[in-house]
Every structure is written in structure tokens, then in C-alpha cells.
Amino acid sequence: MPPSENIQPNFRQRKSTLWLSFALVHAVFLITLLPLIINGQVLSDIQFYREWAYLGLEQGVWQGISNDWVYPVAALLPMLLATAFGSYLYQLGWFVLFTALNAAGFSILTHAGRRKDRYPAAYWWLLATALLGPVALGRIDGLTAPMVIAGLLLLVSRPALASALLSVATWIKVWPAAVVLTALAVSPKRLRILITGAAVSVAIAAFVAAAGGLRHLLSFISAQGDRGMQLEAPFTTPGLWQAIIGGSGAYIYEDKEINTREVRGALGEPVATLMSPLLFLAVAAVVVLLVWALRRGAEMQSLTTIGSLALVSSMIVFNKVGSPQFMLWLVAVTAVGVALEGARWRLPAVLMLIVAALTTLVYPMFYAALYNDLNVWVALLLTLRNGLVVALFVWAVLTLVKLGRASSPNQVVQAQDH
């Protein structure tokens, strides 16, 4: 065999190449942020994070403790950590935190570079994160994604640690609760997971109560209740096209208080009313399928990954909010699926790369053309993106059903009562 045929595979399988790739991607991120850092500015929603952090530090007004808040109260923790270099360099502090958490998740994903069979998943995660660069760098979801990756991978070997990590992530941004729910449904160590998660929640509640803010602890649950159908949400797509075509009364509404655009009129309000019940039903249906597949003897690892994808994607498909950072949720779960299931996750891996690219094209690249001009081409990009997200949800549910059907109903589920 000519030497040239061996160079590329060996190069990709080197630990040094893996970490060099990680460093290069994050170096590019840093270079793109330099103009903001030098001028004391911040990217996207980080402006709100800085404002909230310094409201607490300078005026004693703590979000989620002193008043109601759209985020769970532990979201204050990363916002405060990012103040390490001061207000002027807040963007640098946020980037350092983002990079450190990604490095930790990257290390756990590859067992500190020792699991070469997981290198494709690591490279895939890097690529997907790069494609979602603006939202990964500018939203708190970019911090919870590596926490979920680590938690999912530790569920079997270190269930208590995994539960603690996922519980903290849930108290930062709600979506990791879908992974916790999956683990409670399928893990033989569910009692340990439940107790650990409950202990984390009690500790957080006790801290908030001691600070005098217990009545605000769960305010994030009701904070989204009055919102309309956000422009990018999957179920908003018909209403968006009504607004584009005209004649139906549908229009784009800018909610300046929460900095979002919604579709109002025509299908907007009726669909918004249906979203919460539909989301509840979708989540309940997936949990029932998980329990059914488990009782038929389906393997826990496959159930955990596919169940997490099904629940996380249901939280996006049946949601009146459609923020671009939601795609980071799917990226985190898909990265673990690729790491643990390999080629069986080729389809969602490919679909997610397309979803990531389309998401960035819509937001931030051409977003203004969509909400200001109702640009048909941008609407088509968004429609395709939303269609692929729905396809991911359908694939996850069908795969879950297939796992249950392929298993024997007489198969004994090991350690069921642990």
C-alpha cells in the first residue's frame, strides 16, 4: 500500500490533530469576536446577561430572586462568572467560559482523546458548532450544550454525577430536563438519578429562599405563557406564508419588551393556544413509547440517546418559541448519538448539519430581510429548516418504535428494581 493512502486516516486519528482542530475553531471564534472585545461591546443576548449580572453586583437586584425572570435562577451563575475580567471585557469572559465548557465536553466525549472510535463524533460536533457560531457564542444555550453532552455520556458509569450535572444545566436553561426525563424513564438507576436531581433542586431552592426570593423561583415557567407564535417556530410556518401572501390579516409583530418577532392574526393566535397542550401530549407520548420499548427489552443506551432526541425535538417542534439557539439542543444530543451509535445515526447527523447551516443563513445573516420585507427566499430557507427539524422528530419517534418492535417482549430487563 503506498504511504500516501495511510497519511490522511492516521492524521485524523491523532490526538494532537483532534485538539488542534478544537483550538483552531475556537481561535476563529475569538478572532471574529475581537472587534467587540476591543471596543467593550458584546454579541447578541450577552448584552442582557451583562446587564443582569451587574444589576445584581452593583444594585443588589438579582434576577429570579428579587423579581420574576424568564430564565431559571441558576442562569445567574455563568452570567456572574463572565464578569471575571470586568464589565468592559465581559465578552472575553463569556468566551473563556464557553471555550472551557466546550473543552470539558470535548474531553469527556473522547475520553481525553483515548477513544479514537469517538473522534468522528468530536469532529462532527466541532463542525456543527462552527456552523451555528453566532448563536453558539451569543446565547446561554451554548454553555448548556457541553454540559448535556457530558451528562448523557456519564449516565451509565456515573449516574449521580450525570444527574447533578444535568440538573444544574436544567436550572440554567430548562431544556436539559428532557434528557433527565429520558433517564428517569429508561435507566435502572433511576432512583439514584431522581434523588440526586432532587437534592440539587432543593439546594437551589434553599439558597433562593434564604435570599428572600422563593416566590420568584418558578417564575420562568409562566414567563412564556402570554407570548405569541415566534417567527421561526415550526408551527408558525403556515402563518408566516399567510403574512407573505397577504389577504388573511396575518402580520409580523415586534415585541420590543422581549426582543422578538411574532406572527399575529389569521392562524397566529389559534395555533399559539394549541401549542402548550400539543407539547404536553407529545412529551407524554414519547415517554409512553420509551417505557413500552424498555418493557419489551430494548437496550438502555439506544433508548437513552433516541429518547433524548425525541423529547428534545418535541420541545422544539411543539413550541410557540422558535429561537435559533434551540438547534444547539439538537446538536448536543446528536453528537452523543453519533458517539455511541455510530453509523446508525448517520441520517440525523447529516440532517443536523443542514439544519445548522440553514439556521445561520436565516439568523443572523438574512433575518432582517425576513421580518422587514417578508423575503420569499429567506422564508423558503426557514421553511426547509423547520421541515428538517420536524423530520428529525419523526425519525426519532419511528426509530424508538422500531427499537421496541425489534425487541422480545419476553426478554428480561436487567436491574429493573435498582
Protein backbone atom coordinates (compact mmCIF):
# COMPACT_ATOMS: atom_id res chain seq x y z
CA MET A 1 0.00 0.00 0.00
CA PRO A 2 1.50 3.37 -0.96
CA PRO A 3 2.33 5.58 2.02
CA SER A 4 0.02 8.33 0.77
CA GLU A 5 -3.01 6.11 1.37
CA ASN A 6 -2.26 5.95 5.07
CA ILE A 7 -1.44 9.59 5.73
CA GLN A 8 -4.96 11.02 5.93
CA PRO A 9 -6.56 8.40 8.24
CA ASN A 10 -3.56 8.46 10.60
CA PHE A 11 -3.58 12.24 10.64
CA ARG A 12 -7.25 12.39 11.61
CA GLN A 13 -6.78 9.77 14.32
CA ARG A 14 -4.04 11.63 16.16
CA LYS A 15 -4.92 13.17 19.49
CA SER A 16 -2.83 16.22 18.58
CA THR A 17 -4.87 16.73 15.40
CA LEU A 18 -8.11 16.44 17.33
CA TRP A 19 -7.17 19.10 19.86
CA LEU A 20 -5.53 21.28 17.22
CA SER A 21 -8.86 21.26 15.36
CA PHE A 22 -10.63 22.26 18.57
CA ALA A 23 -8.12 25.07 19.13
CA LEU A 24 -8.40 26.33 15.54
CA VAL A 25 -12.21 26.51 15.60
CA HIS A 26 -12.20 28.42 18.87
CA ALA A 27 -9.36 30.65 17.66
CA VAL A 28 -11.50 31.60 14.68
CA PHE A 29 -14.35 32.34 17.08
CA LEU A 30 -12.06 34.57 19.13
CA ILE A 31 -10.80 36.44 16.05
CA THR A 32 -14.36 37.18 14.95
CA LEU A 33 -15.13 38.49 18.45
CA LEU A 34 -12.01 40.66 18.75
CA PRO A 35 -13.62 43.87 17.40
CA LEU A 36 -16.35 43.56 20.04
CA ILE A 37 -13.89 42.70 22.82
CA ILE A 38 -11.55 45.58 22.00
CA ASN A 39 -14.44 48.06 21.99
CA GLY A 40 -16.06 46.75 25.17
CA GLN A 41 -19.08 45.50 23.26
CA VAL A 42 -20.88 42.16 23.38
CA LEU A 43 -22.63 39.82 20.98
CA SER A 44 -26.37 39.23 20.77
CA ASP A 45 -28.14 38.35 24.06
CA ILE A 46 -24.92 38.72 26.04
CA GLN A 47 -25.85 42.39 26.41
CA PHE A 48 -28.74 41.28 28.62
CA TYR A 49 -26.56 38.82 30.55
CA ARG A 50 -24.08 41.61 31.37
CA GLU A 51 -26.85 43.97 32.39
CA TRP A 52 -28.46 41.37 34.67
CA ALA A 53 -25.13 40.41 36.25
CA TYR A 54 -24.22 43.98 37.11
CA LEU A 55 -27.72 44.82 38.31
CA GLY A 56 -27.06 42.23 40.98
CA LEU A 57 -23.45 43.14 41.72
CA GLU A 58 -23.96 46.92 41.78
CA GLN A 59 -27.58 47.42 42.81
CA GLY A 60 -28.45 44.19 44.60
CA VAL A 61 -31.24 43.38 42.13
CA TRP A 62 -30.90 39.67 41.41
CA GLN A 63 -32.94 38.20 38.56
CA GLY A 64 -35.09 35.28 39.68
CA ILE A 65 -34.61 36.30 43.32
CA SER A 66 -35.55 39.98 43.51
CA ASN A 67 -38.11 39.68 40.72
CA ASP A 68 -39.61 37.30 38.17
CA TRP A 69 -37.33 36.16 35.37
CA VAL A 70 -37.56 34.33 32.04
CA TYR A 71 -34.66 32.01 32.99
CA PRO A 72 -34.26 29.55 35.86
CA VAL A 73 -32.30 31.17 38.67
CA ALA A 74 -29.03 29.21 38.18
CA ALA A 75 -28.58 31.03 34.87
CA LEU A 76 -27.14 33.79 37.05
CA LEU A 77 -24.08 31.63 37.74
CA PRO A 78 -22.47 31.74 34.25
CA MET A 79 -23.54 35.36 33.87
CA LEU A 80 -21.64 36.21 37.05
CA LEU A 81 -18.63 34.06 36.14
CA ALA A 82 -18.29 36.03 32.91
CA THR A 83 -17.64 39.18 34.95
CA ALA A 84 -14.17 37.83 35.83
CA PHE A 85 -12.42 40.39 33.60
CA GLY A 86 -14.82 43.23 34.36
CA SER A 87 -17.69 44.85 32.52
CA TYR A 88 -15.62 46.18 29.62
CA LEU A 89 -14.23 42.71 28.82
CA TYR A 90 -17.44 40.84 29.56
CA GLN A 91 -17.45 39.33 26.06
CA LEU A 92 -13.98 37.92 26.69
CA GLY A 93 -15.12 36.44 29.99
CA TRP A 94 -18.09 34.81 28.27
CA PHE A 95 -15.88 33.40 25.52
CA VAL A 96 -13.41 31.93 28.03
CA LEU A 97 -16.30 30.25 29.87
CA PHE A 98 -17.75 28.98 26.57
CA THR A 99 -14.37 27.55 25.50
CA ALA A 100 -13.67 25.94 28.89
CA LEU A 101 -17.04 24.14 28.94
CA ASN A 102 -16.62 23.02 25.34
CA ALA A 103 -13.14 21.68 26.15
CA ALA A 104 -14.55 19.74 29.11
CA GLY A 105 -17.36 18.30 26.98
CA PHE A 106 -14.90 17.50 24.20
CA SER A 107 -12.63 15.68 26.63
CA ILE A 108 -15.46 13.59 28.09
CA LEU A 109 -16.78 12.83 24.61
CA THR A 110 -13.41 11.36 23.55
CA HIS A 111 -12.21 10.11 26.98
CA ALA A 112 -9.47 12.76 26.88
CA GLY A 113 -8.59 11.67 23.36
CA ARG A 114 -8.22 7.96 24.20
CA ARG A 115 -11.43 6.81 22.44
CA LYS A 116 -10.47 7.09 18.78
CA ASP A 117 -13.78 5.50 17.77
CA ARG A 118 -15.45 8.68 19.03
CA TYR A 119 -13.27 11.05 17.03
CA PRO A 120 -15.84 11.29 14.20
CA ALA A 121 -18.44 12.46 16.72
CA ALA A 122 -15.99 15.04 18.11
CA TYR A 123 -15.17 16.38 14.66
CA TRP A 124 -18.89 16.43 13.84
CA TRP A 125 -19.62 18.45 16.97
CA LEU A 126 -16.92 20.94 16.06
CA LEU A 127 -18.36 21.36 12.57
CA ALA A 128 -21.93 21.74 13.80
CA THR A 129 -20.84 24.27 16.45
CA ALA A 130 -18.90 26.21 13.83
CA LEU A 131 -21.96 26.32 11.56
CA LEU A 132 -24.03 27.68 14.46
CA GLY A 133 -21.23 30.02 15.54
CA PRO A 134 -23.25 33.24 16.07
CA VAL A 135 -25.88 31.64 18.31
CA ALA A 136 -23.39 29.29 19.99
CA LEU A 137 -21.25 32.26 21.01
CA GLY A 138 -24.05 34.65 21.85
CA ARG A 139 -26.61 32.64 23.81
CA ILE A 140 -26.55 30.79 27.14
CA ASP A 141 -27.60 27.60 25.34
CA GLY A 142 -24.02 27.41 24.05
CA LEU A 143 -22.94 26.76 27.65
CA THR A 144 -25.57 24.14 28.46
CA ALA A 145 -24.87 22.08 25.30
CA PRO A 146 -21.48 20.68 26.51
CA MET A 147 -22.98 20.11 29.96
CA VAL A 148 -25.69 17.92 28.40
CA ILE A 149 -23.14 16.06 26.28
CA ALA A 150 -21.13 15.26 29.40
CA GLY A 151 -24.23 14.32 31.38
CA LEU A 152 -25.56 11.98 28.72
CA LEU A 153 -22.20 10.21 28.39
CA LEU A 154 -21.84 9.79 32.16
CA LEU A 155 -25.35 8.41 32.78
CA VAL A 156 -24.28 4.76 32.71
CA SER A 157 -20.93 4.92 34.54
CA ARG A 158 -21.58 7.86 36.92
CA PRO A 159 -25.35 8.29 37.21
CA ALA A 160 -25.25 10.54 40.29
CA LEU A 161 -22.67 12.86 38.76
CA ALA A 162 -24.58 12.88 35.48
CA SER A 163 -27.83 13.71 37.27
CA ALA A 164 -26.19 16.54 39.21
CA LEU A 165 -24.71 17.99 36.03
CA LEU A 166 -27.97 17.71 34.09
CA SER A 167 -29.95 19.17 37.00
CA VAL A 168 -27.68 22.20 37.22
CA ALA A 169 -27.96 22.59 33.44
CA THR A 170 -31.77 22.45 33.76
CA TRP A 171 -31.68 25.22 36.36
CA ILE A 172 -29.69 27.29 33.86
CA LYS A 173 -31.92 26.63 30.83
CA VAL A 174 -34.94 24.32 31.02
CA TRP A 175 -34.32 22.08 28.00
CA PRO A 176 -31.91 19.54 29.68
CA ALA A 177 -34.97 18.41 31.66
CA ALA A 178 -35.86 16.37 28.54
CA VAL A 179 -32.67 14.34 28.98
CA VAL A 180 -33.35 13.91 32.71
CA LEU A 181 -36.86 12.69 31.91
CA THR A 182 -35.46 10.18 29.42
CA ALA A 183 -33.01 8.87 32.03
CA LEU A 184 -35.79 8.52 34.62
CA ALA A 185 -37.86 6.56 32.11
CA VAL A 186 -35.21 4.06 30.99
CA SER A 187 -32.32 3.88 33.46
CA PRO A 188 -32.19 1.03 36.00
CA LYS A 189 -30.51 3.58 38.32
CA ARG A 190 -33.43 5.99 38.08
CA LEU A 191 -33.81 6.23 41.87
CA ARG A 192 -30.24 7.48 42.24
CA ILE A 193 -30.79 9.92 39.38
CA LEU A 194 -34.03 11.16 40.95
CA ILE A 195 -32.57 11.61 44.43
CA THR A 196 -29.51 13.45 43.13
CA GLY A 197 -31.58 15.73 40.92
CA ALA A 198 -33.98 16.43 43.78
CA ALA A 199 -31.06 17.24 46.08
CA VAL A 200 -29.67 19.76 43.59
CA SER A 201 -33.09 21.36 43.20
CA VAL A 202 -33.66 21.54 46.96
CA ALA A 203 -30.23 23.14 47.44
CA ILE A 204 -31.01 25.79 44.82
CA ALA A 205 -34.47 26.41 46.29
CA ALA A 206 -32.99 26.70 49.79
CA PHE A 207 -30.45 29.26 48.58
CA VAL A 208 -33.15 31.33 46.86
CA ALA A 209 -35.40 31.08 49.93
CA ALA A 210 -32.56 32.26 52.17
CA ALA A 211 -32.13 35.24 49.84
CA GLY A 212 -35.83 36.02 50.19
CA GLY A 213 -36.85 35.20 46.64
CA LEU A 214 -38.72 31.90 46.91
CA ARG A 215 -41.88 33.35 45.36
CA HIS A 216 -39.88 34.08 42.18
CA LEU A 217 -38.20 30.65 41.96
CA LEU A 218 -40.56 29.18 39.35
CA SER A 219 -41.46 32.42 37.58
CA PHE A 220 -39.70 31.22 34.41
CA ILE A 221 -42.46 28.62 33.90
CA SER A 222 -45.18 31.21 33.41
CA ALA A 223 -42.97 33.84 31.76
CA GLN A 224 -43.63 32.47 28.26
CA GLY A 225 -47.35 31.99 28.71
CA ASP A 226 -48.55 35.19 27.02
CA ARG A 227 -46.20 35.01 24.06
CA GLY A 228 -47.49 34.60 20.54
CA MET A 229 -46.10 32.38 17.80
CA GLN A 230 -42.48 33.39 17.27
CA LEU A 231 -41.48 33.96 13.67
CA GLU A 232 -39.11 30.97 13.41
CA ALA A 233 -41.14 28.34 15.29
CA PRO A 234 -42.06 25.29 13.15
CA PHE A 235 -45.83 25.68 13.66
CA THR A 236 -45.58 29.36 12.71
CA THR A 237 -44.63 28.43 9.14
CA PRO A 238 -48.22 28.42 7.74
CA GLY A 239 -48.90 31.78 9.41
CA LEU A 240 -45.66 33.19 8.01
CA TRP A 241 -46.73 32.27 4.49
CA GLN A 242 -50.16 33.79 5.15
CA ALA A 243 -48.39 37.05 6.00
CA ILE A 244 -46.26 36.81 2.85
CA ILE A 245 -49.14 36.04 0.51
CA GLY A 246 -51.40 38.63 2.12
CA GLY A 247 -55.17 38.90 2.36
CA SER A 248 -55.51 36.83 5.53
CA GLY A 249 -54.80 39.50 8.13
CA ALA A 250 -51.57 37.84 9.28
CA TYR A 251 -48.70 40.21 10.06
CA ILE A 252 -45.32 40.38 11.78
CA TYR A 253 -45.39 41.90 15.27
CA GLU A 254 -42.27 43.11 17.07
CA ASP A 255 -42.39 42.59 20.82
CA LYS A 256 -39.77 45.12 21.95
CA GLU A 257 -40.03 44.14 25.61
CA ILE A 258 -38.63 40.65 25.00
CA ASN A 259 -36.85 41.48 21.72
CA THR A 260 -38.66 39.03 19.46
CA ARG A 261 -40.83 38.91 16.34
CA GLU A 262 -44.11 37.06 16.21
CA VAL A 263 -46.76 36.23 13.63
CA ARG A 264 -50.09 37.69 14.70
CA GLY A 265 -53.53 37.49 13.09
CA ALA A 266 -55.08 34.71 10.95
CA LEU A 267 -53.59 31.39 12.23
CA GLY A 268 -51.28 33.07 14.73
CA GLU A 269 -53.46 33.19 17.85
CA PRO A 270 -55.36 29.87 17.37
CA VAL A 271 -52.10 27.98 16.84
CA ALA A 272 -50.47 29.69 19.85
CA THR A 273 -53.37 28.50 22.03
CA LEU A 274 -52.80 24.90 20.92
CA MET A 275 -49.05 24.80 21.47
CA SER A 276 -48.91 24.08 25.21
CA PRO A 277 -51.42 21.19 25.08
CA LEU A 278 -49.70 19.76 21.99
CA LEU A 279 -46.30 19.97 23.67
CA PHE A 280 -47.59 18.19 26.76
CA LEU A 281 -49.19 15.44 24.65
CA ALA A 282 -46.06 14.98 22.53
CA VAL A 283 -43.80 14.66 25.58
CA ALA A 284 -46.23 12.26 27.26
CA ALA A 285 -46.46 10.13 24.09
CA VAL A 286 -42.66 9.86 23.82
CA VAL A 287 -42.35 8.85 27.49
CA VAL A 288 -45.03 6.17 26.99
CA LEU A 289 -43.11 4.86 23.97
CA LEU A 290 -39.89 4.80 26.00
CA VAL A 291 -41.48 2.79 28.81
CA TRP A 292 -43.08 0.43 26.27
CA ALA A 293 -39.79 -0.15 24.45
CA LEU A 294 -37.97 -0.68 27.75
CA ARG A 295 -40.51 -3.28 28.89
CA ARG A 296 -40.03 -5.11 25.61
CA GLY A 297 -36.31 -5.36 26.37
CA ALA A 298 -34.83 -2.60 24.22
CA GLU A 299 -31.25 -1.72 25.15
CA MET A 300 -30.84 1.21 27.55
CA GLN A 301 -28.08 3.07 25.68
CA SER A 302 -30.04 3.23 22.45
CA LEU A 303 -33.20 4.21 24.31
CA THR A 304 -31.39 6.98 26.14
CA THR A 305 -29.97 8.58 23.01
CA ILE A 306 -33.02 8.18 20.78
CA GLY A 307 -35.38 9.08 23.62
CA SER A 308 -33.41 12.25 24.34
CA LEU A 309 -33.55 13.23 20.67
CA ALA A 310 -37.29 12.54 20.51
CA LEU A 311 -38.06 14.56 23.65
CA VAL A 312 -35.73 17.45 22.82
CA SER A 313 -37.03 17.71 19.26
CA SER A 314 -40.62 17.58 20.54
CA MET A 315 -39.79 20.58 22.76
CA ILE A 316 -38.79 22.46 19.60
CA VAL A 317 -41.46 21.27 17.15
CA PHE A 318 -44.40 21.87 19.53
CA ASN A 319 -43.18 25.18 20.90
CA LYS A 320 -44.52 28.68 20.29
CA VAL A 321 -40.95 29.95 20.71
CA GLY A 322 -38.58 29.21 17.85
CA SER A 323 -35.25 30.75 18.80
CA PRO A 324 -32.24 29.76 16.63
CA GLN A 325 -30.23 28.61 19.67
CA PHE A 326 -32.67 25.73 20.09
CA MET A 327 -30.71 23.97 17.36
CA LEU A 328 -27.82 23.70 19.83
CA TRP A 329 -30.03 21.36 21.86
CA LEU A 330 -30.30 19.02 18.90
CA VAL A 331 -26.57 19.30 18.19
CA ALA A 332 -25.69 18.19 21.73
CA VAL A 333 -27.91 15.10 21.65
CA THR A 334 -26.91 14.20 18.10
CA ALA A 335 -23.20 14.41 18.98
CA VAL A 336 -23.76 11.82 21.73
CA GLY A 337 -25.86 9.68 19.37
CA VAL A 338 -23.06 9.67 16.79
CA ALA A 339 -20.50 8.85 19.50
CA LEU A 340 -22.48 5.91 20.95
CA GLU A 341 -24.44 4.61 17.96
CA GLY A 342 -22.08 5.36 15.08
CA ALA A 343 -23.40 4.78 11.55
CA ARG A 344 -26.96 4.23 12.81
CA TRP A 345 -27.10 7.98 13.43
CA ARG A 346 -25.75 8.97 10.02
CA LEU A 347 -29.10 10.37 8.84
CA PRO A 348 -29.74 12.71 11.81
CA ALA A 349 -26.07 13.75 11.71
CA VAL A 350 -26.34 14.82 8.07
CA LEU A 351 -29.74 16.46 8.61
CA MET A 352 -28.45 18.42 11.59
CA LEU A 353 -25.54 19.87 9.63
CA ILE A 354 -28.01 21.11 7.03
CA VAL A 355 -30.28 22.43 9.79
CA ALA A 356 -27.32 24.26 11.38
CA ALA A 357 -26.31 25.89 8.10
CA LEU A 358 -29.88 26.93 7.27
CA THR A 359 -30.38 28.32 10.78
CA THR A 360 -27.36 30.62 10.47
CA LEU A 361 -28.44 31.72 7.00
CA VAL A 362 -31.82 32.74 8.40
CA TYR A 363 -30.43 34.18 11.65
CA PRO A 364 -28.41 36.32 11.77
CA MET A 365 -27.47 36.59 8.10
CA PHE A 366 -30.79 37.37 6.40
CA TYR A 367 -33.12 37.77 9.35
CA ALA A 368 -33.82 41.46 8.77
CA ALA A 369 -34.95 40.70 5.21
CA LEU A 370 -37.39 38.16 6.62
CA TYR A 371 -39.13 40.29 9.23
CA ASN A 372 -38.83 43.65 7.48
CA ASP A 373 -39.52 42.66 3.87
CA LEU A 374 -41.07 39.17 4.23
CA ASN A 375 -38.47 37.99 1.75
CA VAL A 376 -39.73 34.86 -0.01
CA TRP A 377 -36.28 33.28 -0.39
CA VAL A 378 -35.45 33.61 3.29
CA ALA A 379 -38.90 32.25 4.14
CA LEU A 380 -38.15 29.24 1.92
CA LEU A 381 -34.87 28.66 3.80
CA LEU A 382 -36.73 28.83 7.11
CA THR A 383 -39.49 26.53 5.84
CA LEU A 384 -36.90 23.98 4.76
CA ARG A 385 -35.12 24.25 8.12
CA ASN A 386 -38.35 23.73 10.03
CA GLY A 387 -39.32 20.82 7.80
CA LEU A 388 -36.00 19.12 8.57
CA VAL A 389 -36.48 19.66 12.32
CA VAL A 390 -39.89 18.00 12.07
CA ALA A 391 -38.24 15.19 10.05
CA LEU A 392 -35.72 14.68 12.88
CA PHE A 393 -38.56 14.37 15.38
CA VAL A 394 -40.37 11.87 13.15
CA TRP A 395 -37.16 9.87 12.61
CA ALA A 396 -36.55 9.73 16.36
CA VAL A 397 -40.11 8.55 17.10
CA LEU A 398 -40.07 5.94 14.32
CA THR A 399 -36.67 4.67 15.46
CA LEU A 400 -37.97 4.42 19.00
CA VAL A 401 -40.94 2.37 17.80
CA LYS A 402 -38.59 0.20 15.75
CA LEU A 403 -36.43 -0.46 18.81
CA GLY A 404 -39.47 -1.61 20.75
CA ARG A 405 -40.75 -3.85 17.96
CA ALA A 406 -37.34 -5.41 17.36
CA SER A 407 -37.03 -6.46 21.00
CA SER A 408 -38.59 -9.54 22.50
CA PRO A 409 -41.48 -8.98 24.92
CA ASN A 410 -40.23 -11.99 26.91
CA GLN A 411 -36.76 -10.50 27.33
CA VAL A 412 -35.86 -9.81 30.94
CA VAL A 413 -34.97 -6.20 31.67
CA GLN A 414 -31.90 -6.29 33.86
CA ALA A 415 -31.72 -4.42 37.17
CA GLN A 416 -35.26 -3.11 36.79
CA ASP A 417 -35.72 -2.55 40.53
CA HIS A 418 -32.34 -0.96 41.27
